[in-house]
Amino acid sequence: MVGPDHPLIARTLAEHVGIRRAVRELARADAARHGALAAEISRALDDHIRFEERDLFPAVEAALAGPALEALGRELACR
């Protein structure tokens, strides 16, 4: 099992925190800073989505191939 210290997981979590922080900052920003922050968030989201599509999700799919995926499916079906 992969834990939160795995580089892909650590990066994912760190980026999620950073994006949430930026959105909170955007909500408090004055008009002069608003456009720059919105552009920064847009770039961060785009980069993060690409990272998840290219790196994280394929790693998850590889880790959950075969019996592991079937076991996860059974566990989720019971909830």
PDB file of N, CA and C in Angstrom:
ATOM      1  N   MET A   1       0.837  -1.184   0.000  1.00  0.00           N
ATOM      2  CA  MET A   1       0.000   0.000   0.000  1.00  0.00           C
ATOM      3  C   MET A   1       0.880   1.245   0.000  1.00  0.00           C
ATOM      4  N   VAL A   2       0.487   2.221  -0.759  1.00  0.00           N
ATOM      5  CA  VAL A   2       1.226   3.474  -0.861  1.00  0.00           C
ATOM      6  C   VAL A   2       0.712   4.436   0.196  1.00  0.00           C
ATOM      7  N   GLY A   3       1.630   5.053   0.915  1.00  0.00           N
ATOM      8  CA  GLY A   3       1.240   5.981   1.975  1.00  0.00           C
ATOM      9  C   GLY A   3       1.352   7.432   1.545  1.00  0.00           C
ATOM     10  N   PRO A   4       1.009   8.337   2.450  1.00  0.00           N
ATOM     11  CA  PRO A   4       1.017   9.765   2.134  1.00  0.00           C
ATOM     12  C   PRO A   4       2.412  10.326   1.889  1.00  0.00           C
ATOM     13  N   ASP A   5       3.458   9.547   2.212  1.00  0.00           N
ATOM     14  CA  ASP A   5       4.813  10.016   1.974  1.00  0.00           C
ATOM     15  C   ASP A   5       5.323   9.685   0.572  1.00  0.00           C
ATOM     16  N   HIS A   6       4.552   8.936  -0.203  1.00  0.00           N
ATOM     17  CA  HIS A   6       4.942   8.637  -1.590  1.00  0.00           C
ATOM     18  C   HIS A   6       5.008   9.957  -2.355  1.00  0.00           C
ATOM     19  N   PRO A   7       6.019  10.165  -3.185  1.00  0.00           N
ATOM     20  CA  PRO A   7       6.178  11.446  -3.881  1.00  0.00           C
ATOM     21  C   PRO A   7       4.955  11.903  -4.679  1.00  0.00           C
ATOM     22  N   LEU A   8       4.274  10.999  -5.345  1.00  0.00           N
ATOM     23  CA  LEU A   8       3.090  11.396  -6.117  1.00  0.00           C
ATOM     24  C   LEU A   8       1.954  11.844  -5.197  1.00  0.00           C
ATOM     25  N   ILE A   9       1.786  11.141  -4.092  1.00  0.00           N
ATOM     26  CA  ILE A   9       0.733  11.498  -3.139  1.00  0.00           C
ATOM     27  C   ILE A   9       1.084  12.809  -2.438  1.00  0.00           C
ATOM     28  N   ALA A  10       2.336  12.936  -2.016  1.00  0.00           N
ATOM     29  CA  ALA A  10       2.762  14.162  -1.333  1.00  0.00           C
ATOM     30  C   ALA A  10       2.583  15.372  -2.242  1.00  0.00           C
ATOM     31  N   ARG A  11       2.954  15.238  -3.509  1.00  0.00           N
ATOM     32  CA  ARG A  11       2.787  16.355  -4.442  1.00  0.00           C
ATOM     33  C   ARG A  11       1.309  16.685  -4.626  1.00  0.00           C
ATOM     34  N   THR A  12       0.486  15.675  -4.793  1.00  0.00           N
ATOM     35  CA  THR A  12      -0.951  15.896  -4.979  1.00  0.00           C
ATOM     36  C   THR A  12      -1.540  16.661  -3.796  1.00  0.00           C
ATOM     37  N   LEU A  13      -1.244  16.195  -2.604  1.00  0.00           N
ATOM     38  CA  LEU A  13      -1.790  16.840  -1.408  1.00  0.00           C
ATOM     39  C   LEU A  13      -1.273  18.265  -1.253  1.00  0.00           C
ATOM     40  N   ALA A  14       0.013  18.466  -1.501  1.00  0.00           N
ATOM     41  CA  ALA A  14       0.594  19.804  -1.384  1.00  0.00           C
ATOM     42  C   ALA A  14      -0.033  20.766  -2.391  1.00  0.00           C
ATOM     43  N   GLU A  15      -0.249  20.295  -3.613  1.00  0.00           N
ATOM     44  CA  GLU A  15      -0.862  21.147  -4.625  1.00  0.00           C
ATOM     45  C   GLU A  15      -2.315  21.466  -4.272  1.00  0.00           C
ATOM     46  N   HIS A  16      -3.035  20.498  -3.740  1.00  0.00           N
ATOM     47  CA  HIS A  16      -4.421  20.758  -3.324  1.00  0.00           C
ATOM     48  C   HIS A  16      -4.457  21.846  -2.249  1.00  0.00           C
ATOM     49  N   VAL A  17      -3.560  21.752  -1.280  1.00  0.00           N
ATOM     50  CA  VAL A  17      -3.495  22.761  -0.219  1.00  0.00           C
ATOM     51  C   VAL A  17      -3.155  24.126  -0.814  1.00  0.00           C
ATOM     52  N   GLY A  18      -2.187  24.166  -1.714  1.00  0.00           N
ATOM     53  CA  GLY A  18      -1.795  25.429  -2.331  1.00  0.00           C
ATOM     54  C   GLY A  18      -2.911  26.073  -3.133  1.00  0.00           C
ATOM     55  N   ILE A  19      -3.651  25.270  -3.857  1.00  0.00           N
ATOM     56  CA  ILE A  19      -4.762  25.805  -4.658  1.00  0.00           C
ATOM     57  C   ILE A  19      -5.868  26.325  -3.737  1.00  0.00           C
ATOM     58  N   ARG A  20      -6.189  25.570  -2.687  1.00  0.00           N
ATOM     59  CA  ARG A  20      -7.202  26.052  -1.738  1.00  0.00           C
ATOM     60  C   ARG A  20      -6.774  27.364  -1.086  1.00  0.00           C
ATOM     61  N   ARG A  21      -5.510  27.448  -0.720  1.00  0.00           N
ATOM     62  CA  ARG A  21      -4.987  28.665  -0.101  1.00  0.00           C
ATOM     63  C   ARG A  21      -5.108  29.843  -1.064  1.00  0.00           C
ATOM     64  N   ALA A  22      -4.766  29.621  -2.321  1.00  0.00           N
ATOM     65  CA  ALA A  22      -4.841  30.690  -3.323  1.00  0.00           C
ATOM     66  C   ALA A  22      -6.280  31.147  -3.541  1.00  0.00           C
ATOM     67  N   VAL A  23      -7.224  30.211  -3.520  1.00  0.00           N
ATOM     68  CA  VAL A  23      -8.634  30.569  -3.695  1.00  0.00           C
ATOM     69  C   VAL A  23      -9.117  31.406  -2.503  1.00  0.00           C
ATOM     70  N   ARG A  24      -8.708  31.034  -1.297  1.00  0.00           N
ATOM     71  CA  ARG A  24      -9.070  31.848  -0.123  1.00  0.00           C
ATOM     72  C   ARG A  24      -8.463  33.242  -0.225  1.00  0.00           C
ATOM     73  N   GLU A  25      -7.224  33.317  -0.693  1.00  0.00           N
ATOM     74  CA  GLU A  25      -6.571  34.609  -0.875  1.00  0.00           C
ATOM     75  C   GLU A  25      -7.307  35.433  -1.927  1.00  0.00           C
ATOM     76  N   LEU A  26      -7.750  34.788  -2.992  1.00  0.00           N
ATOM     77  CA  LEU A  26      -8.497  35.470  -4.042  1.00  0.00           C
ATOM     78  C   LEU A  26      -9.780  36.081  -3.484  1.00  0.00           C
ATOM     79  N   ALA A  27     -10.438  35.362  -2.607  1.00  0.00           N
ATOM     80  CA  ALA A  27     -11.689  35.860  -2.024  1.00  0.00           C
ATOM     81  C   ALA A  27     -11.460  37.125  -1.195  1.00  0.00           C
ATOM     82  N   ARG A  28     -10.265  37.269  -0.651  1.00  0.00           N
ATOM     83  CA  ARG A  28      -9.950  38.434   0.176  1.00  0.00           C
ATOM     84  C   ARG A  28      -9.210  39.531  -0.580  1.00  0.00           C
ATOM     85  N   ALA A  29      -8.826  39.260  -1.824  1.00  0.00           N
ATOM     86  CA  ALA A  29      -7.972  40.179  -2.569  1.00  0.00           C
ATOM     87  C   ALA A  29      -8.720  41.438  -3.005  1.00  0.00           C
ATOM     88  N   ASP A  30      -7.971  42.519  -3.082  1.00  0.00           N
ATOM     89  CA  ASP A  30      -8.554  43.749  -3.620  1.00  0.00           C
ATOM     90  C   ASP A  30      -8.553  43.666  -5.150  1.00  0.00           C
ATOM     91  N   ALA A  31      -9.219  44.593  -5.781  1.00  0.00           N
ATOM     92  CA  ALA A  31      -9.392  44.570  -7.231  1.00  0.00           C
ATOM     93  C   ALA A  31      -8.064  44.582  -7.973  1.00  0.00           C
ATOM     94  N   ALA A  32      -7.079  45.276  -7.436  1.00  0.00           N
ATOM     95  CA  ALA A  32      -5.786  45.379  -8.110  1.00  0.00           C
ATOM     96  C   ALA A  32      -5.070  44.027  -8.172  1.00  0.00           C
ATOM     97  N   ARG A  33      -5.261  43.186  -7.198  1.00  0.00           N
ATOM     98  CA  ARG A  33      -4.578  41.886  -7.126  1.00  0.00           C
ATOM     99  C   ARG A  33      -5.429  40.752  -7.694  1.00  0.00           C
ATOM    100  N   HIS A  34      -6.694  40.989  -7.859  1.00  0.00           N
ATOM    101  CA  HIS A  34      -7.644  39.945  -8.250  1.00  0.00           C
ATOM    102  C   HIS A  34      -7.266  39.264  -9.565  1.00  0.00           C
ATOM    103  N   GLY A  35      -6.979  40.031 -10.602  1.00  0.00           N
ATOM    104  CA  GLY A  35      -6.673  39.448 -11.912  1.00  0.00           C
ATOM    105  C   GLY A  35      -5.429  38.586 -11.901  1.00  0.00           C
ATOM    106  N   ALA A  36      -4.384  39.058 -11.231  1.00  0.00           N
ATOM    107  CA  ALA A  36      -3.140  38.289 -11.166  1.00  0.00           C
ATOM    108  C   ALA A  36      -3.334  36.987 -10.400  1.00  0.00           C
ATOM    109  N   LEU A  37      -4.066  37.046  -9.301  1.00  0.00           N
ATOM    110  CA  LEU A  37      -4.330  35.826  -8.529  1.00  0.00           C
ATOM    111  C   LEU A  37      -5.179  34.840  -9.311  1.00  0.00           C
ATOM    112  N   ALA A  38      -6.184  35.336 -10.001  1.00  0.00           N
ATOM    113  CA  ALA A  38      -7.035  34.449 -10.803  1.00  0.00           C
ATOM    114  C   ALA A  38      -6.204  33.755 -11.883  1.00  0.00           C
ATOM    115  N   ALA A  39      -5.290  34.478 -12.508  1.00  0.00           N
ATOM    116  CA  ALA A  39      -4.433  33.885 -13.532  1.00  0.00           C
ATOM    117  C   ALA A  39      -3.497  32.846 -12.920  1.00  0.00           C
ATOM    118  N   GLU A  40      -2.991  33.141 -11.741  1.00  0.00           N
ATOM    119  CA  GLU A  40      -2.106  32.210 -11.032  1.00  0.00           C
ATOM    120  C   GLU A  40      -2.846  30.913 -10.692  1.00  0.00           C
ATOM    121  N   ILE A  41      -4.075  31.053 -10.209  1.00  0.00           N
ATOM    122  CA  ILE A  41      -4.883  29.879  -9.882  1.00  0.00           C
ATOM    123  C   ILE A  41      -5.188  29.077 -11.141  1.00  0.00           C
ATOM    124  N   SER A  42      -5.491  29.760 -12.212  1.00  0.00           N
ATOM    125  CA  SER A  42      -5.778  29.086 -13.476  1.00  0.00           C
ATOM    126  C   SER A  42      -4.590  28.250 -13.941  1.00  0.00           C
ATOM    127  N   ARG A  43      -3.408  28.828 -13.880  1.00  0.00           N
ATOM    128  CA  ARG A  43      -2.197  28.094 -14.276  1.00  0.00           C
ATOM    129  C   ARG A  43      -1.956  26.907 -13.338  1.00  0.00           C
ATOM    130  N   ALA A  44      -2.119  27.139 -12.039  1.00  0.00           N
ATOM    131  CA  ALA A  44      -1.893  26.065 -11.068  1.00  0.00           C
ATOM    132  C   ALA A  44      -2.867  24.912 -11.286  1.00  0.00           C
ATOM    133  N   LEU A  45      -4.119  25.236 -11.536  1.00  0.00           N
ATOM    134  CA  LEU A  45      -5.112  24.188 -11.793  1.00  0.00           C
ATOM    135  C   LEU A  45      -4.796  23.420 -13.070  1.00  0.00           C
ATOM    136  N   ASP A  46      -4.434  24.136 -14.115  1.00  0.00           N
ATOM    137  CA  ASP A  46      -4.093  23.479 -15.374  1.00  0.00           C
ATOM    138  C   ASP A  46      -2.900  22.543 -15.184  1.00  0.00           C
ATOM    139  N   ASP A  47      -1.852  23.037 -14.531  1.00  0.00           N
ATOM    140  CA  ASP A  47      -0.676  22.199 -14.277  1.00  0.00           C
ATOM    141  C   ASP A  47      -1.031  20.988 -13.422  1.00  0.00           C
ATOM    142  N   HIS A  48      -1.853  21.198 -12.412  1.00  0.00           N
ATOM    143  CA  HIS A  48      -2.219  20.109 -11.514  1.00  0.00           C
ATOM    144  C   HIS A  48      -3.057  19.044 -12.233  1.00  0.00           C
ATOM    145  N   ILE A  49      -3.997  19.484 -13.019  1.00  0.00           N
ATOM    146  CA  ILE A  49      -4.824  18.536 -13.774  1.00  0.00           C
ATOM    147  C   ILE A  49      -3.961  17.703 -14.714  1.00  0.00           C
ATOM    148  N   ARG A  50      -3.027  18.351 -15.397  1.00  0.00           N
ATOM    149  CA  ARG A  50      -2.134  17.610 -16.308  1.00  0.00           C
ATOM    150  C   ARG A  50      -1.284  16.607 -15.541  1.00  0.00           C
ATOM    151  N   PHE A  51      -0.776  17.022 -14.375  1.00  0.00           N
ATOM    152  CA  PHE A  51       0.003  16.104 -13.533  1.00  0.00           C
ATOM    153  C   PHE A  51      -0.834  14.885 -13.139  1.00  0.00           C
ATOM    154  N   GLU A  52      -2.060  15.124 -12.697  1.00  0.00           N
ATOM    155  CA  GLU A  52      -2.915  14.004 -12.309  1.00  0.00           C
ATOM    156  C   GLU A  52      -3.179  13.081 -13.493  1.00  0.00           C
ATOM    157  N   GLU A  53      -3.479  13.667 -14.658  1.00  0.00           N
ATOM    158  CA  GLU A  53      -3.781  12.855 -15.843  1.00  0.00           C
ATOM    159  C   GLU A  53      -2.568  12.050 -16.317  1.00  0.00           C
ATOM    160  N   ARG A  54      -1.403  12.668 -16.307  1.00  0.00           N
ATOM    161  CA  ARG A  54      -0.203  12.039 -16.884  1.00  0.00           C
ATOM    162  C   ARG A  54       0.557  11.156 -15.913  1.00  0.00           C
ATOM    163  N   ASP A  55       0.534  11.509 -14.626  1.00  0.00           N
ATOM    164  CA  ASP A  55       1.375  10.807 -13.658  1.00  0.00           C
ATOM    165  C   ASP A  55       0.593  10.066 -12.579  1.00  0.00           C
ATOM    166  N   LEU A  56      -0.265  10.789 -11.874  1.00  0.00           N
ATOM    167  CA  LEU A  56      -0.940  10.197 -10.721  1.00  0.00           C
ATOM    168  C   LEU A  56      -1.921   9.097 -11.121  1.00  0.00           C
ATOM    169  N   PHE A  57      -2.851   9.407 -12.013  1.00  0.00           N
ATOM    170  CA  PHE A  57      -3.873   8.421 -12.358  1.00  0.00           C
ATOM    171  C   PHE A  57      -3.291   7.157 -12.997  1.00  0.00           C
ATOM    172  N   PRO A  58      -2.320   7.265 -13.921  1.00  0.00           N
ATOM    173  CA  PRO A  58      -1.718   6.029 -14.432  1.00  0.00           C
ATOM    174  C   PRO A  58      -1.045   5.203 -13.330  1.00  0.00           C
ATOM    175  N   ALA A  59      -0.423   5.862 -12.357  1.00  0.00           N
ATOM    176  CA  ALA A  59       0.210   5.127 -11.258  1.00  0.00           C
ATOM    177  C   ALA A  59      -0.844   4.422 -10.407  1.00  0.00           C
ATOM    178  N   VAL A  60      -1.957   5.090 -10.164  1.00  0.00           N
ATOM    179  CA  VAL A  60      -3.044   4.476  -9.398  1.00  0.00           C
ATOM    180  C   VAL A  60      -3.614   3.283 -10.162  1.00  0.00           C
ATOM    181  N   GLU A  61      -3.820   3.460 -11.458  1.00  0.00           N
ATOM    182  CA  GLU A  61      -4.349   2.360 -12.276  1.00  0.00           C
ATOM    183  C   GLU A  61      -3.405   1.170 -12.273  1.00  0.00           C
ATOM    184  N   ALA A  62      -2.113   1.426 -12.360  1.00  0.00           N
ATOM    185  CA  ALA A  62      -1.132   0.338 -12.351  1.00  0.00           C
ATOM    186  C   ALA A  62      -1.119  -0.369 -10.992  1.00  0.00           C
ATOM    187  N   ALA A  63      -1.222   0.412  -9.918  1.00  0.00           N
ATOM    188  CA  ALA A  63      -1.197  -0.161  -8.571  1.00  0.00           C
ATOM    189  C   ALA A  63      -2.454  -0.978  -8.283  1.00  0.00           C
ATOM    190  N   LEU A  64      -3.560  -0.621  -8.943  1.00  0.00           N
ATOM    191  CA  LEU A  64      -4.827  -1.294  -8.667  1.00  0.00           C
ATOM    192  C   LEU A  64      -5.228  -2.282  -9.761  1.00  0.00           C
ATOM    193  N   ALA A  65      -4.285  -2.706 -10.548  1.00  0.00           N
ATOM    194  CA  ALA A  65      -4.607  -3.659 -11.615  1.00  0.00           C
ATOM    195  C   ALA A  65      -4.950  -5.024 -11.015  1.00  0.00           C
ATOM    196  N   GLY A  66      -5.802  -5.730 -11.705  1.00  0.00           N
ATOM    197  CA  GLY A  66      -6.116  -7.112 -11.344  1.00  0.00           C
ATOM    198  C   GLY A  66      -6.798  -7.275 -10.006  1.00  0.00           C
ATOM    199  N   PRO A  67      -6.287  -8.185  -9.178  1.00  0.00           N
ATOM    200  CA  PRO A  67      -6.932  -8.522  -7.909  1.00  0.00           C
ATOM    201  C   PRO A  67      -7.108  -7.332  -6.957  1.00  0.00           C
ATOM    202  N   ALA A  68      -6.151  -6.417  -6.957  1.00  0.00           N
ATOM    203  CA  ALA A  68      -6.271  -5.265  -6.063  1.00  0.00           C
ATOM    204  C   ALA A  68      -7.469  -4.409  -6.445  1.00  0.00           C
ATOM    205  N   LEU A  69      -7.695  -4.221  -7.730  1.00  0.00           N
ATOM    206  CA  LEU A  69      -8.837  -3.443  -8.195  1.00  0.00           C
ATOM    207  C   LEU A  69     -10.148  -4.158  -7.865  1.00  0.00           C
ATOM    208  N   GLU A  70     -10.163  -5.454  -8.060  1.00  0.00           N
ATOM    209  CA  GLU A  70     -11.354  -6.229  -7.734  1.00  0.00           C
ATOM    210  C   GLU A  70     -11.670  -6.145  -6.232  1.00  0.00           C
ATOM    211  N   ALA A  71     -10.648  -6.212  -5.395  1.00  0.00           N
ATOM    212  CA  ALA A  71     -10.848  -6.118  -3.948  1.00  0.00           C
ATOM    213  C   ALA A  71     -11.381  -4.744  -3.567  1.00  0.00           C
ATOM    214  N   LEU A  72     -10.842  -3.711  -4.177  1.00  0.00           N
ATOM    215  CA  LEU A  72     -11.328  -2.364  -3.904  1.00  0.00           C
ATOM    216  C   LEU A  72     -12.782  -2.224  -4.331  1.00  0.00           C
ATOM    217  N   GLY A  73     -13.135  -2.761  -5.486  1.00  0.00           N
ATOM    218  CA  GLY A  73     -14.506  -2.720  -5.962  1.00  0.00           C
ATOM    219  C   GLY A  73     -15.459  -3.392  -4.996  1.00  0.00           C
ATOM    220  N   ARG A  74     -15.059  -4.542  -4.473  1.00  0.00           N
ATOM    221  CA  ARG A  74     -15.898  -5.250  -3.494  1.00  0.00           C
ATOM    222  C   ARG A  74     -16.048  -4.424  -2.231  1.00  0.00           C
ATOM    223  N   GLU A  75     -14.960  -3.820  -1.778  1.00  0.00           N
ATOM    224  CA  GLU A  75     -15.006  -3.016  -0.553  1.00  0.00           C
ATOM    225  C   GLU A  75     -15.931  -1.798  -0.742  1.00  0.00           C
ATOM    226  N   LEU A  76     -15.835  -1.152  -1.870  1.00  0.00           N
ATOM    227  CA  LEU A  76     -16.684   0.024  -2.124  1.00  0.00           C
ATOM    228  C   LEU A  76     -18.153  -0.374  -2.277  1.00  0.00           C
ATOM    229  N   ALA A  77     -18.418  -1.531  -2.830  1.00  0.00           N
ATOM    230  CA  ALA A  77     -19.784  -1.989  -3.025  1.00  0.00           C
ATOM    231  C   ALA A  77     -20.472  -2.260  -1.684  1.00  0.00           C
ATOM    232  N   CYS A  78     -19.694  -2.575  -0.664  1.00  0.00           N
ATOM    233  CA  CYS A  78     -20.253  -2.876   0.661  1.00  0.00           C
ATOM    234  C   CYS A  78     -20.610  -1.617   1.439  1.00  0.00           C
ATOM    235  N   ARG A  79     -20.175  -0.481   0.994  1.00  0.00           N
ATOM    236  CA  ARG A  79     -20.413   0.762   1.770  1.00  0.00           C
ATOM    237  C   ARG A  79     -21.726   1.366   1.472  1.00  0.00           C
TER     238      ARG A  79
END
